[in-house]
Amino acid sequence: MTGMKVQHDDDSKTTAAEPENAPPHLVFPQASRDLAKEARRWMLHLASQRRVSPHTLDAYGRDLRQFLTFLTGHLGARPDLAAFAAVLPADIRAFMAHRRSSGVESRSLMRMLAGLRSFARHLEREGLGKASAFAAARSPKLPRSLPKALRADEARDLTRVDSREGENRPAWILARDAAVLGLLYGAGLRISEALGVSRRDAPCGPQDALTVVGKGGKMRTVPVIGPVRQAIDLYLELCPYPLKAEGPLFVGARGGPLSPRIIQLAVESMRGALGLPATATPHALRHSFATHLLARGGDLRSIQELLGHASLSTTQVYTAIDGARLLQAYNSAHPRARRA
C-alpha cells in the first residue's frame, strides 16, 4: 500500500463511535467512524434485503473485523474509507496468508474472501471505493470431495424407531428423532429446514407435501412420502407437550425448540450400534436422498429443485457418485454411442 496516507487516531474521522447495545456483528472498533458506519449499513442490507442467515451475518462480521485488525497492524492506524479503497490485491493475499498460518482452512478462507468482496461491492455501489482489488484476489482451491452417501439399507436403519429400542429413552423422543431423520432422508431436507417446520405445516395424515424455507430465505415445496408422514403421526401421538400451531413441530425434552445438536448426538449413538462409518451424519441422509434418487433414474433438474440448490452445478456433484449409470444412459441414448 505504497504512498497511502492514513489519518491518526486523534482525527474525529478515525475515532470509532459504536451504537450502544449493538449486536456483535454491527460493532467494528477496528475501523474509523466513516468505515464502521458503512460496515453497519452493509450488514443491515444483508439482513433486510438479502435475507442472509444470522449465522452468515455473524461470520461475515467476524471476517471483516479480522481483516480490519490486520489492516490496522499493516498501516499503523485504524483504516478509514480512503485506506480501504486503496487496498491492493497483494494486501489481500497477505491477509489470507496470515489467516492460513493461523490454521484457517481453505473453505473458511473462501467465505472470508466472499464476505470482503461483498463489502467492497457495497462501497462501490455507494461511490466510496472500488471492488476490483477483491475481485482480482484468487480464491483458495478446495480439495475435491464427493458427498458421503449411505447405502439405502443404512439410511433406512437410521430412520427407524426400533433401531434404538435398547436405549433408555422415552418413546416419544425416539419417535421424534426418527421423524426428523425421516424428513432428511425421505424429503432431502437440511436439518435446519426440518427443525424449522411449524406444527401448522406438519406433513401428516393426508397432507403429502411440505413448504420449507431454505438458504437465503428461498421457499420450496417438497413431497413427503407415506412412511415419513406415519413417523410424524407417531411422534405427534406420543409427544407429551401441547404444540402451538405457530410453534415448532419438533420440541426438546423440556418442550422448547429442538437443537440440531440433539439429532447429531442421536445419530452418533446409532453409528456404533448399527456399525455405520463416521461419515454417517444427519446431513449424509440428505446426500443419500439425492444419490439414491439419481441412481433410480431421477431427473437431475428435479433433484435440484427438491434440494433447493440455486445452481444446477451444485447438484451435478452427485453424478460423480453414479458415473456408471450415466455412462449406461449415454450408451443407450446417444446417436453416436457404440451399442453392443
Protein backbone atom coordinates (compact mmCIF):
# COMPACT_ATOMS: atom_id res chain seq x y z
CA MET A 1 0.00 0.00 0.00
CA THR A 2 2.79 2.33 -1.02
CA GLY A 3 2.14 6.04 -0.72
CA MET A 4 -1.11 5.67 1.21
CA LYS A 5 -1.87 8.40 3.72
CA VAL A 6 -3.56 7.19 6.88
CA GLN A 7 -5.07 9.61 9.36
CA HIS A 8 -4.04 9.40 13.00
CA ASP A 9 -6.39 8.38 15.80
CA ASP A 10 -6.79 11.96 17.05
CA ASP A 11 -8.74 12.77 13.89
CA SER A 12 -12.50 12.53 14.57
CA LYS A 13 -12.99 10.60 11.33
CA THR A 14 -10.85 7.76 12.67
CA THR A 15 -12.45 7.62 16.11
CA ALA A 16 -14.87 4.70 16.07
CA ALA A 17 -18.25 5.58 17.59
CA GLU A 18 -20.26 2.41 18.03
CA PRO A 19 -24.00 2.48 18.82
CA GLU A 20 -24.89 1.40 22.35
CA ASN A 21 -26.16 -2.16 22.84
CA ALA A 22 -25.45 -3.01 19.21
CA PRO A 23 -25.29 -6.74 18.37
CA PRO A 24 -21.73 -8.05 17.90
CA HIS A 25 -21.94 -8.22 14.10
CA LEU A 26 -22.64 -4.46 13.98
CA VAL A 27 -19.63 -3.43 16.09
CA PHE A 28 -16.39 -2.54 14.27
CA PRO A 29 -13.99 -0.90 16.74
CA GLN A 30 -11.06 -1.63 14.40
CA ALA A 31 -12.38 0.86 11.81
CA SER A 32 -12.64 4.62 11.59
CA ARG A 33 -16.04 6.19 12.17
CA ASP A 34 -16.85 6.53 8.46
CA LEU A 35 -15.76 3.00 7.62
CA ALA A 36 -17.56 1.49 10.63
CA LYS A 37 -20.74 3.31 9.61
CA GLU A 38 -20.61 1.80 6.12
CA ALA A 39 -19.87 -1.63 7.56
CA ARG A 40 -23.03 -1.41 9.67
CA ARG A 41 -25.06 -0.27 6.67
CA TRP A 42 -23.74 -3.24 4.69
CA MET A 43 -24.65 -5.71 7.44
CA LEU A 44 -28.16 -4.26 7.76
CA HIS A 45 -28.57 -4.50 3.98
CA LEU A 46 -27.56 -8.17 4.05
CA ALA A 47 -30.06 -8.88 6.82
CA SER A 48 -33.04 -6.93 5.45
CA GLN A 49 -32.63 -7.04 1.66
CA ARG A 50 -30.56 -10.17 1.04
CA ARG A 51 -32.14 -12.10 3.94
CA VAL A 52 -28.78 -13.58 4.90
CA SER A 53 -28.98 -16.03 7.82
CA PRO A 54 -27.87 -14.87 11.31
CA HIS A 55 -25.06 -17.44 11.20
CA THR A 56 -23.69 -15.97 7.96
CA LEU A 57 -24.06 -12.42 9.29
CA ASP A 58 -22.00 -13.31 12.35
CA ALA A 59 -19.35 -14.95 10.17
CA TYR A 60 -19.14 -12.01 7.73
CA GLY A 61 -18.92 -9.52 10.60
CA ARG A 62 -16.19 -11.54 12.27
CA ASP A 63 -14.26 -11.87 9.00
CA LEU A 64 -14.42 -8.13 8.32
CA ARG A 65 -13.25 -7.33 11.85
CA GLN A 66 -10.29 -9.69 11.39
CA PHE A 67 -9.38 -8.00 8.10
CA LEU A 68 -9.65 -4.55 9.68
CA THR A 69 -7.45 -5.69 12.57
CA PHE A 70 -4.91 -6.94 10.04
CA LEU A 71 -5.03 -3.62 8.17
CA THR A 72 -4.54 -1.71 11.43
CA GLY A 73 -1.29 -3.56 12.03
CA HIS A 74 -0.39 -3.23 8.35
CA LEU A 75 -0.90 0.55 8.33
CA GLY A 76 -0.13 1.51 11.90
CA ALA A 77 -3.57 3.08 12.41
CA ARG A 78 -7.24 2.21 12.09
CA PRO A 79 -8.20 2.23 8.39
CA ASP A 80 -10.75 4.71 7.08
CA LEU A 81 -12.73 4.66 3.83
CA ALA A 82 -9.84 6.06 1.83
CA ALA A 83 -7.44 3.44 3.17
CA PHE A 84 -9.90 0.61 2.47
CA ALA A 85 -10.43 1.89 -1.08
CA ALA A 86 -6.66 1.83 -1.64
CA VAL A 87 -6.28 -1.85 -0.68
CA LEU A 88 -4.25 -3.81 -3.23
CA PRO A 89 -4.52 -7.50 -4.22
CA ALA A 90 -1.15 -8.01 -2.53
CA ASP A 91 -2.63 -6.79 0.77
CA ILE A 92 -5.49 -9.26 0.46
CA ARG A 93 -3.08 -12.10 -0.31
CA ALA A 94 -1.03 -11.14 2.73
CA PHE A 95 -4.16 -11.26 4.91
CA MET A 96 -5.17 -14.67 3.54
CA ALA A 97 -1.65 -16.00 4.12
CA HIS A 98 -1.76 -14.63 7.66
CA ARG A 99 -5.06 -16.40 8.36
CA ARG A 100 -3.83 -19.64 6.80
CA SER A 101 -0.74 -19.54 9.03
CA SER A 102 -3.14 -19.41 11.99
CA GLY A 103 -4.66 -22.72 10.92
CA VAL A 104 -7.68 -21.44 8.98
CA GLU A 105 -8.69 -23.90 6.25
CA SER A 106 -9.44 -23.17 2.61
CA ARG A 107 -13.22 -23.31 2.96
CA SER A 108 -13.18 -20.68 5.70
CA LEU A 109 -10.78 -18.55 3.66
CA MET A 110 -13.21 -18.71 0.73
CA ARG A 111 -16.01 -17.48 2.99
CA MET A 112 -13.79 -14.66 4.26
CA LEU A 113 -12.98 -13.56 0.72
CA ALA A 114 -16.66 -13.76 -0.28
CA GLY A 115 -17.63 -11.51 2.62
CA LEU A 116 -14.90 -8.97 1.89
CA ARG A 117 -15.89 -8.89 -1.78
CA SER A 118 -19.49 -8.28 -0.77
CA PHE A 119 -18.47 -5.34 1.43
CA ALA A 120 -16.23 -3.94 -1.31
CA ARG A 121 -19.14 -4.12 -3.79
CA HIS A 122 -21.32 -2.28 -1.27
CA LEU A 123 -18.76 0.53 -1.07
CA GLU A 124 -18.54 0.62 -4.86
CA ARG A 125 -22.34 0.95 -5.17
CA GLU A 126 -22.21 3.84 -2.72
CA GLY A 127 -19.44 5.54 -4.71
CA LEU A 128 -16.96 5.05 -1.87
CA GLY A 129 -14.43 2.71 -3.44
CA LYS A 130 -13.70 0.01 -5.98
CA ALA A 131 -14.14 -3.73 -5.68
CA SER A 132 -11.53 -4.59 -8.32
CA ALA A 133 -8.76 -5.50 -5.86
CA PHE A 134 -11.00 -8.01 -4.10
CA ALA A 135 -12.30 -9.40 -7.39
CA ALA A 136 -8.71 -9.87 -8.56
CA ALA A 137 -7.72 -11.83 -5.45
CA ARG A 138 -7.59 -15.53 -6.26
CA SER A 139 -9.84 -17.81 -4.23
CA PRO A 140 -8.20 -20.70 -2.37
CA LYS A 141 -8.51 -24.09 -4.02
CA LEU A 142 -10.66 -26.66 -2.29
CA PRO A 143 -9.84 -30.35 -2.32
CA ARG A 144 -12.48 -32.06 -4.43
CA SER A 145 -14.56 -34.34 -2.26
CA LEU A 146 -17.73 -36.18 -3.07
CA PRO A 147 -20.75 -36.21 -0.77
CA LYS A 148 -20.65 -39.20 1.56
CA ALA A 149 -23.90 -41.04 0.92
CA LEU A 150 -25.05 -44.09 2.85
CA ARG A 151 -26.33 -47.31 1.37
CA ALA A 152 -30.10 -47.50 1.14
CA ASP A 153 -30.34 -50.06 3.94
CA GLU A 154 -28.09 -47.97 6.20
CA ALA A 155 -30.19 -44.86 5.60
CA ARG A 156 -33.40 -46.76 6.33
CA ASP A 157 -31.93 -48.14 9.57
CA LEU A 158 -31.12 -44.63 10.79
CA THR A 159 -34.74 -43.53 10.31
CA ARG A 160 -36.36 -46.50 12.10
CA VAL A 161 -37.60 -46.18 15.68
CA ASP A 162 -36.76 -49.78 16.51
CA SER A 163 -33.07 -49.18 15.70
CA ARG A 164 -32.85 -47.59 19.16
CA GLU A 165 -35.24 -49.79 21.09
CA GLY A 166 -32.49 -50.79 23.53
CA GLU A 167 -31.87 -47.19 24.63
CA ASN A 168 -33.27 -45.95 27.92
CA ARG A 169 -35.09 -43.03 26.33
CA PRO A 170 -38.78 -42.01 26.36
CA ALA A 171 -40.71 -43.47 23.44
CA TRP A 172 -41.80 -40.04 22.21
CA ILE A 173 -38.19 -38.86 21.92
CA LEU A 174 -37.23 -41.91 19.88
CA ALA A 175 -40.26 -41.27 17.65
CA ARG A 176 -39.33 -37.59 17.36
CA ASP A 177 -35.77 -38.33 16.28
CA ALA A 178 -36.95 -40.91 13.75
CA ALA A 179 -39.42 -38.39 12.30
CA VAL A 180 -36.72 -35.71 11.93
CA LEU A 181 -34.30 -38.15 10.29
CA GLY A 182 -37.11 -39.39 8.09
CA LEU A 183 -37.55 -35.87 6.72
CA LEU A 184 -33.84 -35.62 5.96
CA TYR A 185 -33.76 -38.88 4.02
CA GLY A 186 -37.33 -39.01 2.74
CA ALA A 187 -37.62 -35.37 1.63
CA GLY A 188 -33.97 -34.28 1.30
CA LEU A 189 -34.24 -31.51 3.89
CA ARG A 190 -31.38 -29.82 5.67
CA ILE A 191 -31.57 -30.31 9.42
CA SER A 192 -32.26 -26.60 9.91
CA GLU A 193 -35.17 -26.85 7.47
CA ALA A 194 -36.65 -29.87 9.26
CA LEU A 195 -36.40 -28.20 12.67
CA GLY A 196 -37.88 -25.02 11.21
CA VAL A 197 -41.19 -26.70 10.29
CA SER A 198 -44.11 -25.37 12.32
CA ARG A 199 -46.85 -27.52 13.84
CA ARG A 200 -49.34 -25.91 11.49
CA ASP A 201 -47.38 -27.09 8.44
CA ALA A 202 -46.70 -30.62 9.69
CA PRO A 203 -46.94 -33.11 6.81
CA CYS A 204 -49.08 -35.73 8.48
CA GLY A 205 -52.21 -37.68 7.64
CA PRO A 206 -53.34 -36.92 4.09
CA GLN A 207 -51.08 -33.86 3.72
CA ASP A 208 -48.37 -35.18 1.41
CA ALA A 209 -46.34 -32.02 0.73
CA LEU A 210 -44.35 -29.55 2.77
CA THR A 211 -43.21 -26.00 2.09
CA VAL A 212 -39.86 -25.19 3.66
CA VAL A 213 -37.69 -22.08 3.87
CA GLY A 214 -34.16 -22.86 2.72
CA LYS A 215 -30.94 -20.91 2.38
CA GLY A 216 -31.35 -17.25 1.54
CA GLY A 217 -35.00 -17.37 2.61
CA LYS A 218 -35.94 -19.26 -0.57
CA MET A 219 -39.10 -21.31 -0.32
CA ARG A 220 -39.72 -24.64 -2.00
CA THR A 221 -42.36 -27.34 -1.79
CA VAL A 222 -41.31 -30.97 -1.44
CA PRO A 223 -43.39 -34.16 -1.44
CA VAL A 224 -43.44 -36.20 1.76
CA ILE A 225 -43.81 -39.95 1.32
CA GLY A 226 -46.13 -42.13 3.39
CA PRO A 227 -43.57 -43.69 5.77
CA VAL A 228 -42.31 -40.23 6.77
CA ARG A 229 -45.85 -38.95 7.38
CA GLN A 230 -46.53 -42.03 9.51
CA ALA A 231 -43.39 -41.35 11.56
CA ILE A 232 -44.59 -37.78 12.17
CA ASP A 233 -48.07 -39.06 13.11
CA LEU A 234 -46.50 -41.40 15.68
CA TYR A 235 -44.42 -38.58 17.15
CA LEU A 236 -47.46 -36.32 17.44
CA GLU A 237 -49.42 -39.09 19.09
CA LEU A 238 -46.72 -39.68 21.73
CA CYS A 239 -45.48 -36.11 22.29
CA PRO A 240 -46.45 -35.07 25.86
CA TYR A 241 -46.45 -31.35 25.12
CA PRO A 242 -49.25 -29.30 23.55
CA LEU A 243 -47.79 -27.90 20.34
CA LYS A 244 -48.93 -24.43 19.30
CA ALA A 245 -49.91 -24.08 15.65
CA GLU A 246 -47.35 -21.34 15.03
CA GLY A 247 -44.68 -23.03 17.17
CA PRO A 248 -42.09 -25.63 16.13
CA LEU A 249 -43.23 -29.10 15.17
CA PHE A 250 -40.27 -30.75 16.89
CA VAL A 251 -39.54 -29.88 20.52
CA GLY A 252 -36.87 -30.81 23.02
CA ALA A 253 -37.18 -32.85 26.20
CA ARG A 254 -38.48 -29.80 28.10
CA GLY A 255 -40.84 -28.61 25.40
CA GLY A 256 -38.63 -25.89 23.94
CA PRO A 257 -37.23 -25.70 20.40
CA LEU A 258 -35.20 -28.76 19.44
CA SER A 259 -31.46 -28.20 18.97
CA PRO A 260 -29.74 -29.69 15.90
CA ARG A 261 -27.05 -31.00 18.24
CA ILE A 262 -29.57 -33.39 19.82
CA ILE A 263 -30.19 -35.02 16.44
CA GLN A 264 -26.46 -35.17 15.74
CA LEU A 265 -25.89 -36.94 19.05
CA ALA A 266 -28.70 -39.39 18.30
CA VAL A 267 -27.03 -40.34 15.02
CA GLU A 268 -23.65 -40.66 16.74
CA SER A 269 -25.14 -43.09 19.24
CA MET A 270 -26.65 -45.17 16.44
CA ARG A 271 -23.42 -45.35 14.44
CA GLY A 272 -21.83 -47.72 16.91
CA ALA A 273 -24.92 -49.86 17.36
CA LEU A 274 -25.53 -50.20 13.62
CA GLY A 275 -21.88 -50.47 12.60
CA LEU A 276 -22.03 -47.34 10.43
CA PRO A 277 -18.99 -45.28 9.34
CA ALA A 278 -18.06 -41.92 10.85
CA THR A 279 -19.45 -40.27 7.72
CA ALA A 280 -22.97 -41.29 8.80
CA THR A 281 -24.32 -37.91 9.91
CA PRO A 282 -27.73 -36.23 9.65
CA HIS A 283 -26.53 -34.33 6.57
CA ALA A 284 -25.39 -37.59 4.98
CA LEU A 285 -29.08 -38.55 4.83
CA ARG A 286 -29.72 -35.56 2.57
CA HIS A 287 -26.84 -36.67 0.34
CA SER A 288 -28.28 -40.18 0.36
CA PHE A 289 -31.68 -38.84 -0.72
CA ALA A 290 -30.15 -37.22 -3.82
CA THR A 291 -27.80 -40.09 -4.62
CA HIS A 292 -30.48 -42.76 -4.38
CA LEU A 293 -32.93 -40.75 -6.48
CA LEU A 294 -30.30 -40.30 -9.17
CA ALA A 295 -29.41 -43.99 -9.09
CA ARG A 296 -33.07 -44.88 -9.64
CA GLY A 297 -33.32 -42.66 -12.72
CA GLY A 298 -34.30 -39.37 -11.13
CA ASP A 299 -34.00 -36.26 -13.30
CA LEU A 300 -31.12 -34.01 -12.26
CA ARG A 301 -33.15 -30.81 -12.64
CA SER A 302 -35.95 -32.22 -10.49
CA ILE A 303 -33.45 -33.27 -7.82
CA GLN A 304 -32.03 -29.73 -7.89
CA GLU A 305 -35.48 -28.32 -7.16
CA LEU A 306 -36.14 -30.83 -4.39
CA LEU A 307 -32.82 -29.99 -2.70
CA GLY A 308 -33.27 -26.25 -3.12
CA HIS A 309 -29.94 -25.74 -4.89
CA ALA A 310 -29.64 -22.35 -6.57
CA SER A 311 -27.36 -23.73 -9.27
CA LEU A 312 -27.52 -27.00 -11.18
CA SER A 313 -23.73 -27.29 -10.89
CA THR A 314 -24.17 -27.83 -7.14
CA THR A 315 -26.44 -30.79 -7.80
CA GLN A 316 -24.20 -32.21 -10.52
CA VAL A 317 -21.66 -33.37 -7.93
CA TYR A 318 -23.96 -36.33 -7.28
CA THR A 319 -23.43 -37.54 -10.83
CA ALA A 320 -19.84 -38.46 -10.00
CA ILE A 321 -21.16 -40.93 -7.43
CA ASP A 322 -23.19 -42.74 -10.03
CA GLY A 323 -20.99 -42.40 -13.10
CA ALA A 324 -21.66 -45.94 -14.24
CA ARG A 325 -25.37 -45.29 -14.52
CA LEU A 326 -24.77 -42.13 -16.55
CA LEU A 327 -22.44 -43.97 -18.91
CA GLN A 328 -25.08 -46.61 -19.43
CA ALA A 329 -27.66 -43.90 -20.19
CA TYR A 330 -25.26 -42.32 -22.68
CA ASN A 331 -24.59 -45.63 -24.45
CA SER A 332 -28.29 -46.38 -24.73
CA ALA A 333 -29.49 -42.93 -25.81
CA HIS A 334 -26.81 -41.01 -27.73
CA PRO A 335 -26.92 -41.44 -31.54
CA ARG A 336 -23.11 -41.69 -31.77
CA ALA A 337 -22.69 -44.07 -28.86
CA ARG A 338 -21.38 -47.55 -29.51
CA ARG A 339 -24.00 -50.17 -28.74
CA ALA A 340 -23.35 -53.76 -28.08
